[in-house]
Amino acid sequence: MLSAPTMTAQRQERYGSRPQMALFALLASFFVVAGLDFAARAATTERIVVNRYSGLAIGGFDPVAYFTESMALPGLPDFEARGGGAVWRFRNEGNRASFVAHPEIYGPQFGGYDPVDLGRGVTYAGNPRLFAVVGQRLYLFGREENRDAFAAEPARYLKEATTRWPVLEQGLAQ
């Protein structure tokens, strides 16, 4: 009768650590991938903030509705326009036509980046639900505190953001 060879103690030590090494490698690769995904979400490199999966600007919200309705309202897939490497959505054809005629007015200033953070020298994507319309221009903010600070002193934050934006914008992809 044949019996299976038994492993020597030395071979058991050598092969016994392989499952542990594989588990370690698997966990390490998970954290690397998760870290890259977080970094990609936290910092963007486009001149206009877009959803990297859909290409939608400002999360699909209608940029004209901020002016006409004083609210962040979602646009509809039936009313889209392309511009600046982004897909813009609107609630109706009139809003789409207004935007196409004057994207510099209706589009978020600074490409949708938070002007308070721009003043600090950081490009941080604004949240389309955190907005302010000041001087007939739309501004998006990454945090409520930034929106509140901006609302209290818009001239100060606009001066800082406007000064830093040209240099920061050049570091962003077209």
C-alpha atoms as a PDB file:
ATOM      1  CA  MET A   1       0.000   0.000   0.000  1.00  0.00           C
ATOM      2  CA  LEU A   2       1.282   3.372  -0.986  1.00  0.00           C
ATOM      3  CA  SER A   3       1.102   6.273   1.382  1.00  0.00           C
ATOM      4  CA  ALA A   4       1.338   9.973   0.619  1.00  0.00           C
ATOM      5  CA  PRO A   5       4.706  11.451   1.391  1.00  0.00           C
ATOM      6  CA  THR A   6       4.739  13.633   4.442  1.00  0.00           C
ATOM      7  CA  MET A   7       6.226  17.100   4.455  1.00  0.00           C
ATOM      8  CA  THR A   8       9.296  17.709   6.456  1.00  0.00           C
ATOM      9  CA  ALA A   9       9.122  20.417   9.079  1.00  0.00           C
ATOM     10  CA  GLN A  10      11.340  22.625   6.927  1.00  0.00           C
ATOM     11  CA  ARG A  11       8.998  22.289   3.897  1.00  0.00           C
ATOM     12  CA  GLN A  12       5.935  22.919   6.083  1.00  0.00           C
ATOM     13  CA  GLU A  13       7.440  26.185   7.314  1.00  0.00           C
ATOM     14  CA  ARG A  14       8.305  27.242   3.775  1.00  0.00           C
ATOM     15  CA  TYR A  15       4.887  26.450   2.250  1.00  0.00           C
ATOM     16  CA  GLY A  16       2.829  27.256   5.317  1.00  0.00           C
ATOM     17  CA  SER A  17       3.385  30.993   4.891  1.00  0.00           C
ATOM     18  CA  ARG A  18       2.193  31.124   1.268  1.00  0.00           C
ATOM     19  CA  PRO A  19      -1.527  31.535   2.085  1.00  0.00           C
ATOM     20  CA  GLN A  20      -0.618  34.321   4.497  1.00  0.00           C
ATOM     21  CA  MET A  21       1.518  36.027   1.858  1.00  0.00           C
ATOM     22  CA  ALA A  22      -1.302  35.739  -0.685  1.00  0.00           C
ATOM     23  CA  LEU A  23      -3.761  37.265   1.784  1.00  0.00           C
ATOM     24  CA  PHE A  24      -1.338  40.095   2.519  1.00  0.00           C
ATOM     25  CA  ALA A  25      -0.850  40.775  -1.218  1.00  0.00           C
ATOM     26  CA  LEU A  26      -4.598  40.739  -1.794  1.00  0.00           C
ATOM     27  CA  LEU A  27      -5.239  43.196   1.037  1.00  0.00           C
ATOM     28  CA  ALA A  28      -2.391  45.452  -0.060  1.00  0.00           C
ATOM     29  CA  SER A  29      -3.695  45.587  -3.639  1.00  0.00           C
ATOM     30  CA  PHE A  30      -7.204  46.383  -2.360  1.00  0.00           C
ATOM     31  CA  PHE A  31      -5.946  49.355  -0.361  1.00  0.00           C
ATOM     32  CA  VAL A  32      -3.859  50.630  -3.256  1.00  0.00           C
ATOM     33  CA  VAL A  33      -6.848  50.509  -5.622  1.00  0.00           C
ATOM     34  CA  ALA A  34      -9.157  52.063  -3.016  1.00  0.00           C
ATOM     35  CA  GLY A  35      -6.620  54.810  -2.402  1.00  0.00           C
ATOM     36  CA  LEU A  36      -6.357  55.584  -6.114  1.00  0.00           C
ATOM     37  CA  ASP A  37     -10.141  55.715  -6.431  1.00  0.00           C
ATOM     38  CA  PHE A  38     -10.384  58.118  -3.476  1.00  0.00           C
ATOM     39  CA  ALA A  39      -7.649  60.310  -4.935  1.00  0.00           C
ATOM     40  CA  ALA A  40      -9.455  60.410  -8.268  1.00  0.00           C
ATOM     41  CA  ARG A  41     -12.675  61.503  -6.573  1.00  0.00           C
ATOM     42  CA  ALA A  42     -11.041  64.063  -4.320  1.00  0.00           C
ATOM     43  CA  ALA A  43      -9.059  65.835  -7.001  1.00  0.00           C
ATOM     44  CA  THR A  44     -10.101  66.336 -10.576  1.00  0.00           C
ATOM     45  CA  THR A  45      -8.020  67.476 -13.514  1.00  0.00           C
ATOM     46  CA  GLU A  46     -10.665  68.791 -15.910  1.00  0.00           C
ATOM     47  CA  ARG A  47     -11.149  72.486 -16.584  1.00  0.00           C
ATOM     48  CA  ILE A  48     -14.867  71.907 -16.123  1.00  0.00           C
ATOM     49  CA  VAL A  49     -15.890  69.583 -13.318  1.00  0.00           C
ATOM     50  CA  VAL A  50     -17.618  66.557 -14.847  1.00  0.00           C
ATOM     51  CA  ASN A  51     -18.691  63.146 -13.639  1.00  0.00           C
ATOM     52  CA  ARG A  52     -15.892  60.889 -14.823  1.00  0.00           C
ATOM     53  CA  TYR A  53     -18.307  58.068 -15.698  1.00  0.00           C
ATOM     54  CA  SER A  54     -21.132  59.937 -17.432  1.00  0.00           C
ATOM     55  CA  GLY A  55     -19.394  63.110 -18.641  1.00  0.00           C
ATOM     56  CA  LEU A  56     -22.189  65.170 -17.078  1.00  0.00           C
ATOM     57  CA  ALA A  57     -21.316  68.656 -15.892  1.00  0.00           C
ATOM     58  CA  ILE A  58     -22.575  69.750 -12.467  1.00  0.00           C
ATOM     59  CA  GLY A  59     -24.090  66.360 -11.758  1.00  0.00           C
ATOM     60  CA  GLY A  60     -26.704  66.717 -14.493  1.00  0.00           C
ATOM     61  CA  PHE A  61     -28.321  69.743 -12.870  1.00  0.00           C
ATOM     62  CA  ASP A  62     -29.744  72.467 -15.119  1.00  0.00           C
ATOM     63  CA  PRO A  63     -27.371  75.469 -14.910  1.00  0.00           C
ATOM     64  CA  VAL A  64     -30.064  77.900 -16.102  1.00  0.00           C
ATOM     65  CA  ALA A  65     -32.524  76.789 -13.388  1.00  0.00           C
ATOM     66  CA  TYR A  66     -30.233  78.276 -10.735  1.00  0.00           C
ATOM     67  CA  PHE A  67     -31.108  81.670 -12.234  1.00  0.00           C
ATOM     68  CA  THR A  68     -34.723  81.151 -13.266  1.00  0.00           C
ATOM     69  CA  GLU A  69     -35.919  79.005 -10.343  1.00  0.00           C
ATOM     70  CA  SER A  70     -33.299  79.898  -7.694  1.00  0.00           C
ATOM     71  CA  MET A  71     -32.940  76.152  -7.110  1.00  0.00           C
ATOM     72  CA  ALA A  72     -30.729  73.226  -8.065  1.00  0.00           C
ATOM     73  CA  LEU A  73     -33.023  71.232 -10.364  1.00  0.00           C
ATOM     74  CA  PRO A  74     -32.019  68.155 -12.332  1.00  0.00           C
ATOM     75  CA  GLY A  75     -31.889  68.426 -16.088  1.00  0.00           C
ATOM     76  CA  LEU A  76     -33.441  65.862 -18.412  1.00  0.00           C
ATOM     77  CA  PRO A  77     -31.693  63.595 -20.921  1.00  0.00           C
ATOM     78  CA  ASP A  78     -34.061  64.910 -23.624  1.00  0.00           C
ATOM     79  CA  PHE A  79     -32.513  68.381 -23.367  1.00  0.00           C
ATOM     80  CA  GLU A  80     -28.730  68.142 -23.586  1.00  0.00           C
ATOM     81  CA  ALA A  81     -25.930  70.213 -25.047  1.00  0.00           C
ATOM     82  CA  ARG A  82     -22.225  69.521 -25.325  1.00  0.00           C
ATOM     83  CA  GLY A  83     -19.606  72.129 -24.609  1.00  0.00           C
ATOM     84  CA  GLY A  84     -16.199  72.439 -22.982  1.00  0.00           C
ATOM     85  CA  GLY A  85     -15.760  68.667 -22.919  1.00  0.00           C
ATOM     86  CA  ALA A  86     -18.922  68.187 -20.878  1.00  0.00           C
ATOM     87  CA  VAL A  87     -22.533  67.172 -21.332  1.00  0.00           C
ATOM     88  CA  TRP A  88     -24.975  69.710 -19.904  1.00  0.00           C
ATOM     89  CA  ARG A  89     -28.593  68.867 -19.109  1.00  0.00           C
ATOM     90  CA  PHE A  90     -31.583  71.203 -18.973  1.00  0.00           C
ATOM     91  CA  ARG A  91     -35.207  71.108 -17.835  1.00  0.00           C
ATOM     92  CA  ASN A  92     -36.586  72.386 -21.125  1.00  0.00           C
ATOM     93  CA  GLU A  93     -35.624  73.623 -24.581  1.00  0.00           C
ATOM     94  CA  GLY A  94     -35.725  77.286 -23.522  1.00  0.00           C
ATOM     95  CA  ASN A  95     -33.100  76.719 -20.823  1.00  0.00           C
ATOM     96  CA  ARG A  96     -30.946  74.783 -23.270  1.00  0.00           C
ATOM     97  CA  ALA A  97     -31.157  77.584 -25.836  1.00  0.00           C
ATOM     98  CA  SER A  98     -30.284  80.221 -23.227  1.00  0.00           C
ATOM     99  CA  PHE A  99     -27.228  78.254 -22.125  1.00  0.00           C
ATOM    100  CA  VAL A 100     -26.012  77.581 -25.669  1.00  0.00           C
ATOM    101  CA  ALA A 101     -26.289  81.310 -26.450  1.00  0.00           C
ATOM    102  CA  HIS A 102     -24.479  82.388 -23.234  1.00  0.00           C
ATOM    103  CA  PRO A 103     -22.521  79.588 -21.534  1.00  0.00           C
ATOM    104  CA  GLU A 104     -20.201  82.156 -19.923  1.00  0.00           C
ATOM    105  CA  ILE A 105     -23.169  83.541 -17.979  1.00  0.00           C
ATOM    106  CA  TYR A 106     -25.061  80.371 -17.075  1.00  0.00           C
ATOM    107  CA  GLY A 107     -22.179  77.952 -16.605  1.00  0.00           C
ATOM    108  CA  PRO A 108     -20.622  77.749 -13.140  1.00  0.00           C
ATOM    109  CA  GLN A 109     -17.731  80.126 -12.714  1.00  0.00           C
ATOM    110  CA  PHE A 110     -14.230  78.691 -12.400  1.00  0.00           C
ATOM    111  CA  GLY A 111     -15.416  75.522 -14.156  1.00  0.00           C
ATOM    112  CA  GLY A 112     -17.452  74.478 -11.130  1.00  0.00           C
ATOM    113  CA  TYR A 113     -14.567  74.565  -8.661  1.00  0.00           C
ATOM    114  CA  ASP A 114     -15.109  75.994  -5.192  1.00  0.00           C
ATOM    115  CA  PRO A 115     -13.950  79.654  -5.276  1.00  0.00           C
ATOM    116  CA  VAL A 116     -13.036  79.652  -1.577  1.00  0.00           C
ATOM    117  CA  ASP A 117     -10.665  76.728  -2.124  1.00  0.00           C
ATOM    118  CA  LEU A 118      -9.326  78.329  -5.299  1.00  0.00           C
ATOM    119  CA  GLY A 119      -8.392  81.334  -3.181  1.00  0.00           C
ATOM    120  CA  ARG A 120      -6.309  78.934  -1.078  1.00  0.00           C
ATOM    121  CA  GLY A 121      -4.632  77.584  -4.202  1.00  0.00           C
ATOM    122  CA  VAL A 122      -6.565  74.279  -4.303  1.00  0.00           C
ATOM    123  CA  THR A 123      -8.865  72.968  -7.045  1.00  0.00           C
ATOM    124  CA  TYR A 124     -11.742  71.283  -5.233  1.00  0.00           C
ATOM    125  CA  ALA A 125     -14.884  70.360  -7.158  1.00  0.00           C
ATOM    126  CA  GLY A 126     -18.020  72.175  -6.119  1.00  0.00           C
ATOM    127  CA  ASN A 127     -21.201  70.359  -5.194  1.00  0.00           C
ATOM    128  CA  PRO A 128     -24.132  71.391  -7.446  1.00  0.00           C
ATOM    129  CA  ARG A 129     -26.423  71.414  -4.396  1.00  0.00           C
ATOM    130  CA  LEU A 130     -24.204  73.963  -2.599  1.00  0.00           C
ATOM    131  CA  PHE A 131     -24.430  77.088  -4.720  1.00  0.00           C
ATOM    132  CA  ALA A 132     -24.731  80.847  -4.735  1.00  0.00           C
ATOM    133  CA  VAL A 133     -25.697  83.246  -7.515  1.00  0.00           C
ATOM    134  CA  VAL A 134     -23.795  86.472  -6.956  1.00  0.00           C
ATOM    135  CA  GLY A 135     -23.503  89.277  -9.481  1.00  0.00           C
ATOM    136  CA  GLN A 136     -25.503  87.228 -12.005  1.00  0.00           C
ATOM    137  CA  ARG A 137     -22.915  84.429 -11.886  1.00  0.00           C
ATOM    138  CA  LEU A 138     -23.194  80.879 -10.540  1.00  0.00           C
ATOM    139  CA  TYR A 139     -20.685  79.577  -7.982  1.00  0.00           C
ATOM    140  CA  LEU A 140     -20.525  76.025  -6.606  1.00  0.00           C
ATOM    141  CA  PHE A 141     -18.984  75.058  -3.265  1.00  0.00           C
ATOM    142  CA  GLY A 142     -17.493  71.901  -1.833  1.00  0.00           C
ATOM    143  CA  ARG A 143     -18.622  72.573   1.737  1.00  0.00           C
ATOM    144  CA  GLU A 144     -21.394  74.557   3.400  1.00  0.00           C
ATOM    145  CA  GLU A 145     -18.851  76.521   5.439  1.00  0.00           C
ATOM    146  CA  ASN A 146     -17.267  77.744   2.213  1.00  0.00           C
ATOM    147  CA  ARG A 147     -20.618  78.817   0.783  1.00  0.00           C
ATOM    148  CA  ASP A 148     -21.486  80.674   3.982  1.00  0.00           C
ATOM    149  CA  ALA A 149     -18.096  82.403   4.129  1.00  0.00           C
ATOM    150  CA  PHE A 150     -18.393  83.364   0.459  1.00  0.00           C
ATOM    151  CA  ALA A 151     -21.916  84.748   0.956  1.00  0.00           C
ATOM    152  CA  ALA A 152     -20.647  86.955   3.792  1.00  0.00           C
ATOM    153  CA  GLU A 153     -17.716  88.392   1.795  1.00  0.00           C
ATOM    154  CA  PRO A 154     -18.050  87.589  -1.915  1.00  0.00           C
ATOM    155  CA  ALA A 155     -15.733  90.380  -3.090  1.00  0.00           C
ATOM    156  CA  ARG A 156     -12.878  89.107  -0.911  1.00  0.00           C
ATOM    157  CA  TYR A 157     -13.179  85.489  -2.070  1.00  0.00           C
ATOM    158  CA  LEU A 158     -13.710  86.427  -5.708  1.00  0.00           C
ATOM    159  CA  LYS A 159     -10.576  88.564  -5.685  1.00  0.00           C
ATOM    160  CA  GLU A 160      -8.502  85.695  -4.255  1.00  0.00           C
ATOM    161  CA  ALA A 161     -10.025  83.076  -6.588  1.00  0.00           C
ATOM    162  CA  THR A 162      -9.718  85.289  -9.670  1.00  0.00           C
ATOM    163  CA  THR A 163      -6.061  85.965  -8.881  1.00  0.00           C
ATOM    164  CA  ARG A 164      -5.178  82.265  -8.522  1.00  0.00           C
ATOM    165  CA  TRP A 165      -7.475  80.752 -11.159  1.00  0.00           C
ATOM    166  CA  PRO A 166      -5.334  81.382 -14.290  1.00  0.00           C
ATOM    167  CA  VAL A 167      -2.362  79.484 -12.860  1.00  0.00           C
ATOM    168  CA  LEU A 168      -4.511  76.682 -11.414  1.00  0.00           C
ATOM    169  CA  GLU A 169      -6.496  76.369 -14.637  1.00  0.00           C
ATOM    170  CA  GLN A 170      -3.328  75.794 -16.659  1.00  0.00           C
ATOM    171  CA  GLY A 171      -2.603  72.707 -14.558  1.00  0.00           C
ATOM    172  CA  LEU A 172      -5.968  71.182 -15.509  1.00  0.00           C
ATOM    173  CA  ALA A 173      -6.632  69.023 -18.573  1.00  0.00           C
ATOM    174  CA  GLN A 174      -8.542  70.553 -21.457  1.00  0.00           C
END
